[in-house]
C-alpha cells in the first residue's frame, strides 16, 4: 500500500504499541512522551529522531507536530486489580488520560489507540453524573462510570467512533496470560488509515532466523511443564528463549531481564542492551509494557471490525 503512518506515542514505555503497529504497516515515530528515566533511555536509543515531550500534562499541544495516530497506555496503577483501585479520577496517575484526551483534541489524529489493564472495565471513573443522590447511578452499588466508559465517552465527545476488545498475550502464542484492553478510535475521514492497519498480514515482519546453537528448554523440574509453551513462543518470535535466570550480584539465581524481554515478544536486546539501564529499570519497563504481537492482533481485529461493519 506504500503508506507510512506518522505516530505519536504517549506514556510510551519501551515503545511497545509503536513496535506492534510496525508489525502491521510502516511506522514513522515523530514524537514520544515519557517521564521515567528507564523508558526515556530506551526511547532515545531506538527513536533518536523523535523528541521526548516529557510530562504530557505540561505540553502545549498546539505547538506539537500533527500525526496520523496517537497511541498510549496511560498509567494503570489506579485501575489494576493488583493496585489500590483509586480509579480514573483527578489526582490519580490513571487520571493522566485527561491529558491524553487534550492531546487528541488539539492534534486530531485520524486514529487513536489506547491500551490498559483489564481493570479498566470495572474501575470507577470521575463523572459529574454521580454527584448527588437520585441522579444517574444514585444508590447503585456499582460505579455509574468506569474507566473504559470514560475513555470511550471522551473520544465520542471529540468526534471519534470507537471499538474495543480484550486480548490475552497467550492468544497470540505468548507463554503468559497478560490480558489487556485495547480501544481503537477513528475520525470519519480515517478509512485509509484503518485499511492500512487491517490489510497487512498479522504476525511479525521480516525473515525469521533459525537458532544456530539450540539449547534445550531448562531441564530442572519447575520448568518442564512450561516447555511446550516456551517452544510455541520460540516459533512465533523466531528466536530461542534465553535462560530464565542469571546469577545475581550477591550470588544465587535471579530472574533474567533478557528472558522477560523474550516473553514480551521484543527483539533481543530491545530493552536489555540499552546503555546505562539498570536491571531494576529494565524489569520495571518490561513489567509495564505491552506485547507488540498482542497489540498488532488487537488493532488489526478492531480495524477490520470498523471497516467490515460500515462504521467508516
C-alpha atoms as a PDB file:
ATOM      1  CA  UNK A   1       0.000   0.000   0.000  1.00  0.00           C
ATOM      2  CA  UNK A   2       3.024   2.295   0.371  1.00  0.00           C
ATOM      3  CA  UNK A   3       1.501   4.251   3.262  1.00  0.00           C
ATOM      4  CA  UNK A   4       3.668   5.169   6.226  1.00  0.00           C
ATOM      5  CA  UNK A   5       1.817   6.123   9.395  1.00  0.00           C
ATOM      6  CA  UNK A   6       3.116   9.066  11.413  1.00  0.00           C
ATOM      7  CA  UNK A   7       2.892   8.105  15.081  1.00  0.00           C
ATOM      8  CA  UNK A   8       2.978   9.932  18.383  1.00  0.00           C
ATOM      9  CA  UNK A   9       3.254   7.603  21.389  1.00  0.00           C
ATOM     10  CA  UNK A  10       2.140   8.820  24.830  1.00  0.00           C
ATOM     11  CA  UNK A  11       3.304   7.154  28.073  1.00  0.00           C
ATOM     12  CA  UNK A  12       5.411   5.225  25.604  1.00  0.00           C
ATOM     13  CA  UNK A  13       7.448   2.976  27.904  1.00  0.00           C
ATOM     14  CA  UNK A  14       9.685   0.874  25.684  1.00  0.00           C
ATOM     15  CA  UNK A  15       7.573   1.767  22.623  1.00  0.00           C
ATOM     16  CA  UNK A  16       5.548  -1.448  22.585  1.00  0.00           C
ATOM     17  CA  UNK A  17       2.477  -0.019  20.856  1.00  0.00           C
ATOM     18  CA  UNK A  18       4.622   1.508  18.138  1.00  0.00           C
ATOM     19  CA  UNK A  19       6.505  -1.757  17.656  1.00  0.00           C
ATOM     20  CA  UNK A  20       3.131  -3.528  17.430  1.00  0.00           C
ATOM     21  CA  UNK A  21       1.826  -1.115  14.800  1.00  0.00           C
ATOM     22  CA  UNK A  22       5.072  -1.714  12.935  1.00  0.00           C
ATOM     23  CA  UNK A  23       4.023  -5.340  12.525  1.00  0.00           C
ATOM     24  CA  UNK A  24       1.045  -4.093  10.500  1.00  0.00           C
ATOM     25  CA  UNK A  25       2.489  -1.254   8.436  1.00  0.00           C
ATOM     26  CA  UNK A  26       5.434   1.105   8.145  1.00  0.00           C
ATOM     27  CA  UNK A  27       5.567   3.493  11.101  1.00  0.00           C
ATOM     28  CA  UNK A  28       7.386   6.799  11.400  1.00  0.00           C
ATOM     29  CA  UNK A  29       7.511   7.714  15.083  1.00  0.00           C
ATOM     30  CA  UNK A  30       7.527  11.526  15.119  1.00  0.00           C
ATOM     31  CA  UNK A  31       7.490  12.079  18.876  1.00  0.00           C
ATOM     32  CA  UNK A  32       7.161  10.185  22.137  1.00  0.00           C
ATOM     33  CA  UNK A  33       6.271  11.163  25.695  1.00  0.00           C
ATOM     34  CA  UNK A  34       7.508   9.516  28.881  1.00  0.00           C
ATOM     35  CA  UNK A  35       8.873  10.920  32.115  1.00  0.00           C
ATOM     36  CA  UNK A  36      10.572   7.851  33.627  1.00  0.00           C
ATOM     37  CA  UNK A  37      14.348   7.607  33.316  1.00  0.00           C
ATOM     38  CA  UNK A  38      14.462   3.982  32.151  1.00  0.00           C
ATOM     39  CA  UNK A  39      11.943   4.235  29.308  1.00  0.00           C
ATOM     40  CA  UNK A  40      13.420   7.591  28.278  1.00  0.00           C
ATOM     41  CA  UNK A  41      16.786   5.904  27.694  1.00  0.00           C
ATOM     42  CA  UNK A  42      15.163   3.090  25.701  1.00  0.00           C
ATOM     43  CA  UNK A  43      13.158   5.507  23.557  1.00  0.00           C
ATOM     44  CA  UNK A  44      16.156   7.741  22.846  1.00  0.00           C
ATOM     45  CA  UNK A  45      18.152   4.712  21.715  1.00  0.00           C
ATOM     46  CA  UNK A  46      15.551   3.363  19.273  1.00  0.00           C
ATOM     47  CA  UNK A  47      13.946   6.602  18.067  1.00  0.00           C
ATOM     48  CA  UNK A  48      16.681   9.247  18.331  1.00  0.00           C
ATOM     49  CA  UNK A  49      14.906  11.421  15.763  1.00  0.00           C
ATOM     50  CA  UNK A  50      11.736  11.596  17.874  1.00  0.00           C
ATOM     51  CA  UNK A  51      11.768  14.217  20.648  1.00  0.00           C
ATOM     52  CA  UNK A  52      10.594  13.045  24.069  1.00  0.00           C
ATOM     53  CA  UNK A  53       7.949  15.574  25.094  1.00  0.00           C
ATOM     54  CA  UNK A  54       8.089  14.528  28.760  1.00  0.00           C
ATOM     55  CA  UNK A  55       5.152  15.286  31.064  1.00  0.00           C
ATOM     56  CA  UNK A  56       2.028  15.282  28.885  1.00  0.00           C
ATOM     57  CA  UNK A  57       0.125  17.382  31.434  1.00  0.00           C
ATOM     58  CA  UNK A  58       2.524  20.288  30.791  1.00  0.00           C
ATOM     59  CA  UNK A  59       2.637  20.268  26.993  1.00  0.00           C
ATOM     60  CA  UNK A  60       1.253  22.955  24.697  1.00  0.00           C
ATOM     61  CA  UNK A  61      -0.207  20.527  22.177  1.00  0.00           C
ATOM     62  CA  UNK A  62      -0.917  23.315  19.699  1.00  0.00           C
ATOM     63  CA  UNK A  63       2.854  23.531  19.176  1.00  0.00           C
ATOM     64  CA  UNK A  64       3.353  19.782  18.600  1.00  0.00           C
ATOM     65  CA  UNK A  65       3.683  18.219  15.157  1.00  0.00           C
ATOM     66  CA  UNK A  66       0.432  16.582  13.950  1.00  0.00           C
ATOM     67  CA  UNK A  67       0.454  12.799  13.455  1.00  0.00           C
ATOM     68  CA  UNK A  68      -1.840  10.206  11.890  1.00  0.00           C
ATOM     69  CA  UNK A  69      -2.064   8.042  15.010  1.00  0.00           C
ATOM     70  CA  UNK A  70      -1.752   8.800  18.713  1.00  0.00           C
ATOM     71  CA  UNK A  71      -1.186   5.665  20.770  1.00  0.00           C
ATOM     72  CA  UNK A  72      -0.837   5.396  24.515  1.00  0.00           C
ATOM     73  CA  UNK A  73      -1.140   3.203  27.549  1.00  0.00           C
ATOM     74  CA  UNK A  74      -1.833   5.740  30.281  1.00  0.00           C
ATOM     75  CA  UNK A  75      -0.773   4.665  33.802  1.00  0.00           C
ATOM     76  CA  UNK A  76      -2.691   1.661  35.061  1.00  0.00           C
ATOM     77  CA  UNK A  77      -1.802   1.603  38.764  1.00  0.00           C
ATOM     78  CA  UNK A  78      -5.142   3.036  39.886  1.00  0.00           C
ATOM     79  CA  UNK A  79      -7.133   0.736  37.581  1.00  0.00           C
ATOM     80  CA  UNK A  80      -5.306  -2.539  38.081  1.00  0.00           C
ATOM     81  CA  UNK A  81      -6.824  -5.255  40.227  1.00  0.00           C
ATOM     82  CA  UNK A  82      -3.341  -5.512  41.748  1.00  0.00           C
ATOM     83  CA  UNK A  83      -3.388  -1.842  42.813  1.00  0.00           C
ATOM     84  CA  UNK A  84      -5.411   0.337  45.176  1.00  0.00           C
ATOM     85  CA  UNK A  85      -8.292   0.735  42.698  1.00  0.00           C
ATOM     86  CA  UNK A  86      -8.436   4.503  43.181  1.00  0.00           C
ATOM     87  CA  UNK A  87      -9.939   4.707  39.722  1.00  0.00           C
ATOM     88  CA  UNK A  88      -9.624   7.246  36.922  1.00  0.00           C
ATOM     89  CA  UNK A  89     -10.128  10.359  38.997  1.00  0.00           C
ATOM     90  CA  UNK A  90      -8.467  13.772  39.374  1.00  0.00           C
ATOM     91  CA  UNK A  91      -5.220  13.418  41.286  1.00  0.00           C
ATOM     92  CA  UNK A  92      -4.628   9.783  40.321  1.00  0.00           C
ATOM     93  CA  UNK A  93      -1.957   8.616  37.883  1.00  0.00           C
ATOM     94  CA  UNK A  94      -4.672   6.939  35.845  1.00  0.00           C
ATOM     95  CA  UNK A  95      -6.295  10.355  35.562  1.00  0.00           C
ATOM     96  CA  UNK A  96      -3.482  11.222  33.140  1.00  0.00           C
ATOM     97  CA  UNK A  97      -5.942  10.036  30.480  1.00  0.00           C
ATOM     98  CA  UNK A  98      -7.367  13.570  30.623  1.00  0.00           C
ATOM     99  CA  UNK A  99      -4.052  14.960  29.370  1.00  0.00           C
ATOM    100  CA  UNK A 100      -4.021  12.400  26.553  1.00  0.00           C
ATOM    101  CA  UNK A 101      -7.558  13.474  25.656  1.00  0.00           C
ATOM    102  CA  UNK A 102      -6.346  17.082  25.430  1.00  0.00           C
ATOM    103  CA  UNK A 103      -3.610  15.971  23.033  1.00  0.00           C
ATOM    104  CA  UNK A 104      -6.179  14.182  20.868  1.00  0.00           C
ATOM    105  CA  UNK A 105      -8.488  17.214  20.897  1.00  0.00           C
ATOM    106  CA  UNK A 106      -5.719  19.529  19.707  1.00  0.00           C
ATOM    107  CA  UNK A 107      -3.882  17.293  17.209  1.00  0.00           C
ATOM    108  CA  UNK A 108      -6.945  15.497  15.811  1.00  0.00           C
ATOM    109  CA  UNK A 109      -5.195  12.319  14.610  1.00  0.00           C
ATOM    110  CA  UNK A 110      -7.090  10.049  12.230  1.00  0.00           C
ATOM    111  CA  UNK A 111      -6.826   7.138  14.674  1.00  0.00           C
ATOM    112  CA  UNK A 112      -6.274   6.689  18.414  1.00  0.00           C
ATOM    113  CA  UNK A 113      -5.045   3.513  20.111  1.00  0.00           C
ATOM    114  CA  UNK A 114      -5.467   3.227  23.896  1.00  0.00           C
ATOM    115  CA  UNK A 115      -4.288   0.212  25.864  1.00  0.00           C
ATOM    116  CA  UNK A 116      -4.740  -0.657  29.518  1.00  0.00           C
ATOM    117  CA  UNK A 117      -5.264  -3.360  32.110  1.00  0.00           C
ATOM    118  CA  UNK A 118      -8.496  -5.401  32.384  1.00  0.00           C
ATOM    119  CA  UNK A 119      -9.401  -3.359  35.474  1.00  0.00           C
ATOM    120  CA  UNK A 120     -10.294  -0.513  33.106  1.00  0.00           C
ATOM    121  CA  UNK A 121     -13.562  -2.357  32.515  1.00  0.00           C
ATOM    122  CA  UNK A 122     -14.560  -2.116  36.174  1.00  0.00           C
ATOM    123  CA  UNK A 123     -12.579   0.633  37.949  1.00  0.00           C
ATOM    124  CA  UNK A 124     -14.566   3.768  38.721  1.00  0.00           C
ATOM    125  CA  UNK A 125     -14.010   6.979  36.797  1.00  0.00           C
ATOM    126  CA  UNK A 126     -14.909  10.555  37.641  1.00  0.00           C
ATOM    127  CA  UNK A 127     -18.321  11.676  36.469  1.00  0.00           C
ATOM    128  CA  UNK A 128     -20.498  14.687  37.258  1.00  0.00           C
ATOM    129  CA  UNK A 129     -23.461  12.352  36.785  1.00  0.00           C
ATOM    130  CA  UNK A 130     -22.862  10.714  40.160  1.00  0.00           C
ATOM    131  CA  UNK A 131     -22.550  13.896  42.203  1.00  0.00           C
ATOM    132  CA  UNK A 132     -25.835  13.647  44.069  1.00  0.00           C
ATOM    133  CA  UNK A 133     -28.484  11.264  45.354  1.00  0.00           C
ATOM    134  CA  UNK A 134     -31.207  10.337  42.921  1.00  0.00           C
ATOM    135  CA  UNK A 135     -29.168  11.144  39.841  1.00  0.00           C
ATOM    136  CA  UNK A 136     -27.995   8.575  37.351  1.00  0.00           C
ATOM    137  CA  UNK A 137     -26.335   5.847  39.354  1.00  0.00           C
ATOM    138  CA  UNK A 138     -27.571   7.179  42.677  1.00  0.00           C
ATOM    139  CA  UNK A 139     -27.952   4.392  45.225  1.00  0.00           C
ATOM    140  CA  UNK A 140     -26.321   1.823  42.983  1.00  0.00           C
ATOM    141  CA  UNK A 141     -23.588  -0.337  44.460  1.00  0.00           C
ATOM    142  CA  UNK A 142     -21.530  -0.075  41.285  1.00  0.00           C
ATOM    143  CA  UNK A 143     -19.882   2.982  39.726  1.00  0.00           C
ATOM    144  CA  UNK A 144     -22.038   4.777  37.192  1.00  0.00           C
ATOM    145  CA  UNK A 145     -18.990   5.315  35.025  1.00  0.00           C
ATOM    146  CA  UNK A 146     -15.982   3.046  34.606  1.00  0.00           C
ATOM    147  CA  UNK A 147     -12.587   3.931  33.207  1.00  0.00           C
ATOM    148  CA  UNK A 148     -13.220   2.294  29.821  1.00  0.00           C
ATOM    149  CA  UNK A 149     -16.531   4.137  29.529  1.00  0.00           C
ATOM    150  CA  UNK A 150     -14.836   7.419  30.412  1.00  0.00           C
ATOM    151  CA  UNK A 151     -12.249   6.910  27.650  1.00  0.00           C
ATOM    152  CA  UNK A 152     -14.808   5.926  25.005  1.00  0.00           C
ATOM    153  CA  UNK A 153     -17.168   8.718  26.085  1.00  0.00           C
ATOM    154  CA  UNK A 154     -14.448  11.358  25.944  1.00  0.00           C
ATOM    155  CA  UNK A 155     -13.426  10.133  22.490  1.00  0.00           C
ATOM    156  CA  UNK A 156     -17.047  10.293  21.312  1.00  0.00           C
ATOM    157  CA  UNK A 157     -17.229  13.860  22.555  1.00  0.00           C
ATOM    158  CA  UNK A 158     -14.172  14.645  20.450  1.00  0.00           C
ATOM    159  CA  UNK A 159     -15.801  13.250  17.305  1.00  0.00           C
ATOM    160  CA  UNK A 160     -14.373   9.721  17.328  1.00  0.00           C
ATOM    161  CA  UNK A 161     -16.210   6.437  16.950  1.00  0.00           C
ATOM    162  CA  UNK A 162     -14.590   3.511  18.744  1.00  0.00           C
ATOM    163  CA  UNK A 163     -14.419  -0.225  19.138  1.00  0.00           C
ATOM    164  CA  UNK A 164     -12.705  -2.123  21.906  1.00  0.00           C
ATOM    165  CA  UNK A 165     -11.649  -5.628  22.796  1.00  0.00           C
ATOM    166  CA  UNK A 166      -9.699  -7.596  25.386  1.00  0.00           C
ATOM    167  CA  UNK A 167      -6.811  -9.771  24.215  1.00  0.00           C
ATOM    168  CA  UNK A 168      -4.590 -12.069  26.237  1.00  0.00           C
ATOM    169  CA  UNK A 169      -0.941 -12.338  25.250  1.00  0.00           C
ATOM    170  CA  UNK A 170      -1.458 -16.097  25.257  1.00  0.00           C
ATOM    171  CA  UNK A 171      -3.964 -15.658  22.409  1.00  0.00           C
ATOM    172  CA  UNK A 172      -1.079 -14.794  20.084  1.00  0.00           C
ATOM    173  CA  UNK A 173       1.137 -17.575  21.416  1.00  0.00           C
ATOM    174  CA  UNK A 174       2.911 -15.970  24.370  1.00  0.00           C
ATOM    175  CA  UNK A 175       3.674 -18.228  27.365  1.00  0.00           C
ATOM    176  CA  UNK A 176       1.743 -15.992  29.782  1.00  0.00           C
ATOM    177  CA  UNK A 177      -1.750 -14.535  30.099  1.00  0.00           C
ATOM    178  CA  UNK A 178      -1.209 -10.736  30.355  1.00  0.00           C
ATOM    179  CA  UNK A 179      -4.689  -9.687  29.310  1.00  0.00           C
ATOM    180  CA  UNK A 180      -5.076  -6.115  28.089  1.00  0.00           C
ATOM    181  CA  UNK A 181      -7.951  -3.908  26.941  1.00  0.00           C
ATOM    182  CA  UNK A 182      -7.461  -2.149  23.604  1.00  0.00           C
ATOM    183  CA  UNK A 183      -9.525   0.733  22.240  1.00  0.00           C
ATOM    184  CA  UNK A 184      -9.311   1.762  18.579  1.00  0.00           C
ATOM    185  CA  UNK A 185     -10.975   5.094  17.799  1.00  0.00           C
ATOM    186  CA  UNK A 186     -11.264   6.847  14.472  1.00  0.00           C
ATOM    187  CA  UNK A 187     -12.482  10.050  12.849  1.00  0.00           C
ATOM    188  CA  UNK A 188     -14.965   9.900   9.949  1.00  0.00           C
ATOM    189  CA  UNK A 189     -12.110  10.551   7.488  1.00  0.00           C
ATOM    190  CA  UNK A 190      -9.905   7.717   8.797  1.00  0.00           C
ATOM    191  CA  UNK A 191     -10.811   4.954   6.325  1.00  0.00           C
ATOM    192  CA  UNK A 192      -7.425   4.946   4.576  1.00  0.00           C
ATOM    193  CA  UNK A 193      -5.518   4.651   7.844  1.00  0.00           C
ATOM    194  CA  UNK A 194      -7.838   1.880   9.051  1.00  0.00           C
ATOM    195  CA  UNK A 195      -7.347  -0.056   5.817  1.00  0.00           C
ATOM    196  CA  UNK A 196      -3.589   0.007   6.312  1.00  0.00           C
ATOM    197  CA  UNK A 197      -3.998  -1.370   9.828  1.00  0.00           C
ATOM    198  CA  UNK A 198      -6.395  -4.059   8.608  1.00  0.00           C
ATOM    199  CA  UNK A 199      -4.813  -5.250   5.370  1.00  0.00           C
ATOM    200  CA  UNK A 200      -1.244  -6.075   6.364  1.00  0.00           C
ATOM    201  CA  UNK A 201      -0.997  -9.764   7.296  1.00  0.00           C
ATOM    202  CA  UNK A 202      -0.839 -10.382  11.004  1.00  0.00           C
ATOM    203  CA  UNK A 203       2.334 -11.519  12.695  1.00  0.00           C
ATOM    204  CA  UNK A 204       5.951 -10.480  12.670  1.00  0.00           C
ATOM    205  CA  UNK A 205       7.584  -8.985   9.620  1.00  0.00           C
ATOM    206  CA  UNK A 206      10.992  -9.808   8.251  1.00  0.00           C
ATOM    207  CA  UNK A 207      12.949 -13.014   7.905  1.00  0.00           C
ATOM    208  CA  UNK A 208      12.830 -15.388  10.835  1.00  0.00           C
ATOM    209  CA  UNK A 209      16.189 -16.778  11.801  1.00  0.00           C
ATOM    210  CA  UNK A 210      16.945 -20.294  12.865  1.00  0.00           C
ATOM    211  CA  UNK A 211      18.858 -20.581  16.144  1.00  0.00           C
ATOM    212  CA  UNK A 212      22.404 -21.742  15.493  1.00  0.00           C
ATOM    213  CA  UNK A 213      23.005 -23.065  18.998  1.00  0.00           C
ATOM    214  CA  UNK A 214      19.784 -24.618  20.116  1.00  0.00           C
ATOM    215  CA  UNK A 215      19.677 -25.068  23.863  1.00  0.00           C
ATOM    216  CA  UNK A 216      17.178 -27.354  25.460  1.00  0.00           C
ATOM    217  CA  UNK A 217      14.400 -25.830  27.495  1.00  0.00           C
ATOM    218  CA  UNK A 218      15.645 -25.650  31.109  1.00  0.00           C
ATOM    219  CA  UNK A 219      15.579 -29.192  32.380  1.00  0.00           C
ATOM    220  CA  UNK A 220      15.025 -28.817  36.097  1.00  0.00           C
ATOM    221  CA  UNK A 221      11.540 -29.807  37.163  1.00  0.00           C
ATOM    222  CA  UNK A 222       9.863 -26.403  37.759  1.00  0.00           C
ATOM    223  CA  UNK A 223      10.242 -25.570  34.051  1.00  0.00           C
ATOM    224  CA  UNK A 224       9.291 -28.885  32.463  1.00  0.00           C
ATOM    225  CA  UNK A 225       5.548 -28.193  32.419  1.00  0.00           C
ATOM    226  CA  UNK A 226       6.161 -24.939  30.530  1.00  0.00           C
ATOM    227  CA  UNK A 227       8.296 -26.478  27.784  1.00  0.00           C
ATOM    228  CA  UNK A 228       5.502 -26.654  25.137  1.00  0.00           C
ATOM    229  CA  UNK A 229       4.502 -23.036  25.754  1.00  0.00           C
ATOM    230  CA  UNK A 230       8.116 -21.897  25.530  1.00  0.00           C
ATOM    231  CA  UNK A 231       8.645 -23.784  22.275  1.00  0.00           C
ATOM    232  CA  UNK A 232       5.464 -22.266  20.800  1.00  0.00           C
ATOM    233  CA  UNK A 233       6.632 -18.720  21.552  1.00  0.00           C
ATOM    234  CA  UNK A 234      10.043 -19.521  20.110  1.00  0.00           C
ATOM    235  CA  UNK A 235       8.285 -20.383  16.852  1.00  0.00           C
ATOM    236  CA  UNK A 236       6.188 -17.191  16.894  1.00  0.00           C
ATOM    237  CA  UNK A 237       9.077 -14.861  17.710  1.00  0.00           C
ATOM    238  CA  UNK A 238      11.616 -16.687  15.566  1.00  0.00           C
ATOM    239  CA  UNK A 239      14.203 -16.721  18.326  1.00  0.00           C
ATOM    240  CA  UNK A 240      15.210 -19.032  21.098  1.00  0.00           C
ATOM    241  CA  UNK A 241      14.277 -18.493  24.727  1.00  0.00           C
ATOM    242  CA  UNK A 242      17.192 -17.151  26.766  1.00  0.00           C
ATOM    243  CA  UNK A 243      17.938 -18.831  30.113  1.00  0.00           C
ATOM    244  CA  UNK A 244      15.237 -17.784  32.603  1.00  0.00           C
ATOM    245  CA  UNK A 245      17.671 -16.956  35.391  1.00  0.00           C
ATOM    246  CA  UNK A 246      21.067 -15.340  35.798  1.00  0.00           C
ATOM    247  CA  UNK A 247      23.477 -15.019  38.694  1.00  0.00           C
ATOM    248  CA  UNK A 248      22.655 -12.062  40.930  1.00  0.00           C
ATOM    249  CA  UNK A 249      25.139  -9.622  42.410  1.00  0.00           C
ATOM    250  CA  UNK A 250      25.004 -11.461  45.721  1.00  0.00           C
ATOM    251  CA  UNK A 251      25.149 -14.883  44.152  1.00  0.00           C
ATOM    252  CA  UNK A 252      22.247 -17.214  43.594  1.00  0.00           C
ATOM    253  CA  UNK A 253      19.752 -17.215  40.745  1.00  0.00           C
ATOM    254  CA  UNK A 254      17.594 -14.206  39.924  1.00  0.00           C
ATOM    255  CA  UNK A 255      15.102 -13.597  37.131  1.00  0.00           C
ATOM    256  CA  UNK A 256      16.828 -12.672  33.884  1.00  0.00           C
ATOM    257  CA  UNK A 257      15.579  -9.459  32.210  1.00  0.00           C
ATOM    258  CA  UNK A 258      16.550 -10.999  28.858  1.00  0.00           C
ATOM    259  CA  UNK A 259      14.094 -13.840  29.493  1.00  0.00           C
ATOM    260  CA  UNK A 260      11.322 -11.357  30.392  1.00  0.00           C
ATOM    261  CA  UNK A 261      12.171  -9.367  27.255  1.00  0.00           C
ATOM    262  CA  UNK A 262      11.743 -12.539  25.188  1.00  0.00           C
ATOM    263  CA  UNK A 263       8.437 -13.334  26.933  1.00  0.00           C
ATOM    264  CA  UNK A 264       7.207  -9.843  25.985  1.00  0.00           C
ATOM    265  CA  UNK A 265       7.858 -10.628  22.319  1.00  0.00           C
ATOM    266  CA  UNK A 266      10.543  -7.981  21.846  1.00  0.00           C
ATOM    267  CA  UNK A 267      13.637  -8.239  19.659  1.00  0.00           C
ATOM    268  CA  UNK A 268      16.720  -9.412  21.551  1.00  0.00           C
ATOM    269  CA  UNK A 269      18.285  -6.510  23.414  1.00  0.00           C
ATOM    270  CA  UNK A 270      15.449  -4.039  22.712  1.00  0.00           C
ATOM    271  CA  UNK A 271      15.425  -3.139  26.408  1.00  0.00           C
ATOM    272  CA  UNK A 272      18.369  -5.011  27.891  1.00  0.00           C
ATOM    273  CA  UNK A 273      21.058  -3.643  25.555  1.00  0.00           C
ATOM    274  CA  UNK A 274      20.185  -0.037  26.386  1.00  0.00           C
ATOM    275  CA  UNK A 275      23.302   1.726  27.729  1.00  0.00           C
ATOM    276  CA  UNK A 276      23.086   2.842  31.336  1.00  0.00           C
ATOM    277  CA  UNK A 277      19.904   0.899  32.099  1.00  0.00           C
ATOM    278  CA  UNK A 278      19.949  -0.911  35.443  1.00  0.00           C
ATOM    279  CA  UNK A 279      18.469  -4.365  35.946  1.00  0.00           C
ATOM    280  CA  UNK A 280      15.646  -2.923  38.056  1.00  0.00           C
ATOM    281  CA  UNK A 281      14.893  -0.265  35.419  1.00  0.00           C
ATOM    282  CA  UNK A 282      14.807  -2.943  32.726  1.00  0.00           C
ATOM    283  CA  UNK A 283      12.410  -5.120  34.720  1.00  0.00           C
ATOM    284  CA  UNK A 284      10.164  -2.144  35.552  1.00  0.00           C
ATOM    285  CA  UNK A 285       9.959  -1.103  31.894  1.00  0.00           C
ATOM    286  CA  UNK A 286       9.243  -4.677  30.818  1.00  0.00           C
ATOM    287  CA  UNK A 287       6.638  -5.127  33.543  1.00  0.00           C
ATOM    288  CA  UNK A 288       4.748  -2.026  32.418  1.00  0.00           C
ATOM    289  CA  UNK A 289       4.921  -2.821  28.702  1.00  0.00           C
ATOM    290  CA  UNK A 290       2.662  -4.404  26.124  1.00  0.00           C
ATOM    291  CA  UNK A 291       3.412  -7.425  23.933  1.00  0.00           C
ATOM    292  CA  UNK A 292       3.732  -5.974  20.395  1.00  0.00           C
ATOM    293  CA  UNK A 293       2.204  -9.068  18.731  1.00  0.00           C
ATOM    294  CA  UNK A 294      -0.777  -8.761  21.083  1.00  0.00           C
ATOM    295  CA  UNK A 295      -1.225  -5.072  20.227  1.00  0.00           C
ATOM    296  CA  UNK A 296      -0.945  -5.803  16.486  1.00  0.00           C
ATOM    297  CA  UNK A 297      -3.570  -8.549  16.745  1.00  0.00           C
ATOM    298  CA  UNK A 298      -5.988  -6.278  18.638  1.00  0.00           C
ATOM    299  CA  UNK A 299      -5.575  -3.265  16.332  1.00  0.00           C
ATOM    300  CA  UNK A 300      -5.826  -5.432  13.217  1.00  0.00           C
ATOM    301  CA  UNK A 301      -9.033  -7.044  14.501  1.00  0.00           C
ATOM    302  CA  UNK A 302     -10.599  -3.729  15.551  1.00  0.00           C
ATOM    303  CA  UNK A 303      -9.749  -2.049  12.228  1.00  0.00           C
ATOM    304  CA  UNK A 304     -11.333  -4.988  10.431  1.00  0.00           C
ATOM    305  CA  UNK A 305     -14.422  -4.636  12.624  1.00  0.00           C
ATOM    306  CA  UNK A 306     -14.711  -0.927  11.872  1.00  0.00           C
ATOM    307  CA  UNK A 307     -14.387  -1.361   8.114  1.00  0.00           C
ATOM    308  CA  UNK A 308     -16.381  -4.570   7.652  1.00  0.00           C
ATOM    309  CA  UNK A 309     -19.354  -3.273   9.613  1.00  0.00           C
ATOM    310  CA  UNK A 310     -19.508   0.015   7.759  1.00  0.00           C
ATOM    311  CA  UNK A 311     -18.598   2.196  10.741  1.00  0.00           C
ATOM    312  CA  UNK A 312     -16.405   4.368   8.495  1.00  0.00           C
END
